[in-house]
Amino acid sequence: MKNPLSLHRIAIGKTVGFIIGLAGFFMLPSLLPDGAPLLRWGFLLWYTTLGAIIGIFGVFTWHPILKLPMPWWFRAPFMGAWMNFVLTFFAYDTLAQVFTATFGAASLIASPFWFTLQGAIAGLIIGFVATRFGGEGRDTVPV
């Protein structure tokens, strides 16, 4: 990329997040037929926002307190997992219904906290695409 900007990175992150959210938007009725329409819209907007957050955090490639590098393959899945982990606390009952309907009540992966892993995978995908096409670090901030 010739002249990456943080705005491009954020737009790419939002676009990829929107695509992931769109997949959830259309797949959710088959997983939970009696689910509320607002849940579908929530998934769409959640992953679009997650893409924007991962895009914004692409500027930070160094942890100032721990003095450690933060490559995209660590930073993006961590943000995706953390955001979905927090969402699990707020929407535990609804996510429990989705996971039970999808995998069955006796399944090992029926816990809503597996949604955290889904966030890490989505974050990895968003982070890869945003870094590949939008750059990262100081290159994305015009001086």
Protein backbone atom coordinates (compact mmCIF):
# COMPACT_ATOMS: atom_id res chain seq x y z
CA MET A 1 0.00 0.00 0.00
CA LYS A 2 1.42 3.33 -1.02
CA ASN A 3 0.02 5.73 1.58
CA PRO A 4 -2.04 3.92 4.23
CA LEU A 5 -4.16 5.97 6.60
CA SER A 6 -5.89 4.97 9.79
CA LEU A 7 -9.20 5.98 8.21
CA HIS A 8 -8.66 3.40 5.44
CA ARG A 9 -7.81 0.76 8.03
CA ILE A 10 -10.97 1.56 10.01
CA ALA A 11 -13.11 1.46 6.85
CA ILE A 12 -11.63 -1.91 5.88
CA GLY A 13 -12.21 -3.26 9.39
CA LYS A 14 -15.80 -2.06 9.36
CA THR A 15 -16.40 -3.60 5.93
CA VAL A 16 -15.05 -7.01 6.95
CA GLY A 17 -16.94 -6.80 10.24
CA PHE A 18 -20.10 -5.93 8.33
CA ILE A 19 -19.64 -8.99 6.11
CA ILE A 20 -19.20 -11.24 9.16
CA GLY A 21 -22.23 -9.61 10.82
CA LEU A 22 -24.22 -10.06 7.62
CA ALA A 23 -23.45 -13.77 7.70
CA GLY A 24 -24.75 -13.92 11.27
CA PHE A 25 -27.76 -11.82 10.30
CA PHE A 26 -28.84 -14.35 7.68
CA MET A 27 -27.80 -17.52 9.55
CA LEU A 28 -29.40 -16.67 12.89
CA PRO A 29 -33.02 -17.43 11.82
CA SER A 30 -32.00 -20.98 10.93
CA LEU A 31 -30.21 -21.41 14.27
CA LEU A 32 -32.89 -19.78 16.42
CA PRO A 33 -36.18 -19.56 14.47
CA ASP A 34 -38.09 -17.84 17.28
CA GLY A 35 -35.31 -15.32 17.96
CA ALA A 36 -36.10 -11.63 18.10
CA PRO A 37 -35.38 -9.54 14.99
CA LEU A 38 -33.39 -7.13 17.15
CA LEU A 39 -30.94 -9.95 17.89
CA ARG A 40 -30.20 -10.25 14.18
CA TRP A 41 -29.65 -6.50 13.87
CA GLY A 42 -27.53 -6.62 17.01
CA PHE A 43 -25.17 -9.19 15.47
CA LEU A 44 -24.85 -7.12 12.31
CA LEU A 45 -24.07 -3.90 14.15
CA TRP A 46 -21.88 -5.64 16.75
CA TYR A 47 -19.44 -7.06 14.23
CA THR A 48 -19.40 -3.83 12.24
CA THR A 49 -18.41 -2.00 15.42
CA LEU A 50 -15.87 -4.71 16.30
CA GLY A 51 -14.27 -4.20 12.89
CA ALA A 52 -13.99 -0.46 13.56
CA ILE A 53 -12.40 -1.08 16.98
CA ILE A 54 -9.86 -3.50 15.52
CA GLY A 55 -9.15 -0.97 12.78
CA ILE A 56 -8.50 1.76 15.34
CA PHE A 57 -6.21 -0.44 17.42
CA GLY A 58 -4.05 -1.10 14.38
CA VAL A 59 -2.12 2.03 15.25
CA PHE A 60 -0.75 0.45 18.43
CA THR A 61 2.06 -1.98 17.66
CA TRP A 62 3.92 -1.62 20.96
CA HIS A 63 2.66 -2.06 24.52
CA PRO A 64 3.97 0.94 26.48
CA ILE A 65 3.75 -0.61 29.96
CA LEU A 66 4.91 -4.16 29.28
CA LYS A 67 7.43 -2.99 26.66
CA LEU A 68 6.38 -5.76 24.29
CA PRO A 69 5.48 -5.73 20.61
CA MET A 70 1.81 -6.23 19.75
CA PRO A 71 1.61 -7.79 16.29
CA TRP A 72 -1.71 -7.86 14.47
CA TRP A 73 -2.12 -11.63 15.01
CA PHE A 74 -2.13 -11.06 18.77
CA ARG A 75 -3.88 -7.69 18.98
CA ALA A 76 -6.89 -8.37 16.73
CA PRO A 77 -7.96 -11.79 18.14
CA PHE A 78 -7.48 -10.46 21.67
CA MET A 79 -9.79 -7.51 20.98
CA GLY A 80 -12.37 -9.75 19.29
CA ALA A 81 -12.30 -12.27 22.14
CA TRP A 82 -12.47 -9.58 24.81
CA MET A 83 -15.40 -7.77 23.21
CA ASN A 84 -17.37 -11.00 22.75
CA PHE A 85 -16.51 -12.07 26.31
CA VAL A 86 -17.99 -8.83 27.64
CA LEU A 87 -21.04 -9.21 25.38
CA THR A 88 -21.59 -12.70 26.79
CA PHE A 89 -22.16 -11.20 30.23
CA PHE A 90 -24.86 -8.84 28.93
CA ALA A 91 -26.61 -11.31 26.63
CA TYR A 92 -25.94 -14.60 28.44
CA ASP A 93 -29.54 -15.90 28.32
CA THR A 94 -30.01 -15.13 24.64
CA LEU A 95 -26.66 -16.62 23.68
CA ALA A 96 -27.46 -19.69 25.79
CA GLN A 97 -30.61 -20.19 23.72
CA VAL A 98 -28.65 -19.84 20.47
CA PHE A 99 -25.91 -22.27 21.50
CA THR A 100 -28.37 -24.80 22.96
CA ALA A 101 -30.51 -24.68 19.81
CA THR A 102 -27.43 -25.06 17.62
CA PHE A 103 -25.43 -27.72 19.47
CA GLY A 104 -27.92 -29.31 21.88
CA ALA A 105 -28.15 -29.03 25.66
CA ALA A 106 -25.84 -31.99 26.35
CA SER A 107 -23.06 -30.79 24.06
CA LEU A 108 -19.66 -29.77 25.39
CA ILE A 109 -19.83 -26.52 23.41
CA ALA A 110 -23.31 -25.45 24.52
CA SER A 111 -21.88 -22.80 26.87
CA PRO A 112 -22.35 -19.22 25.67
CA PHE A 113 -18.75 -18.48 26.62
CA TRP A 114 -17.68 -20.25 23.41
CA PHE A 115 -18.84 -16.99 21.82
CA THR A 116 -15.48 -15.64 23.02
CA LEU A 117 -13.67 -18.02 20.65
CA GLN A 118 -15.92 -16.87 17.82
CA GLY A 119 -14.86 -13.29 18.57
CA ALA A 120 -11.20 -14.27 18.46
CA ILE A 121 -11.65 -15.92 15.06
CA ALA A 122 -13.60 -12.94 13.71
CA GLY A 123 -10.92 -10.62 15.12
CA LEU A 124 -8.19 -12.63 13.43
CA ILE A 125 -9.95 -12.37 10.06
CA ILE A 126 -10.66 -8.65 10.46
CA GLY A 127 -7.13 -7.94 11.68
CA PHE A 128 -5.52 -9.82 8.81
CA VAL A 129 -7.52 -8.04 6.12
CA ALA A 130 -7.20 -4.61 7.77
CA THR A 131 -3.43 -5.00 8.16
CA ARG A 132 -2.92 -6.45 4.69
CA PHE A 133 -4.85 -3.72 2.89
CA GLY A 134 -4.78 -0.83 5.38
CA GLY A 135 -1.34 -1.06 6.96
CA GLU A 136 -0.54 -0.73 10.66
CA GLY A 137 1.46 1.29 13.15
CA ARG A 138 2.86 4.75 12.57
CA ASP A 139 2.45 4.38 8.82
CA THR A 140 -1.30 4.82 9.25
CA VAL A 141 -1.03 8.15 11.06
CA PRO A 142 -0.30 11.18 8.90
CA VAL A 143 2.39 13.40 10.40
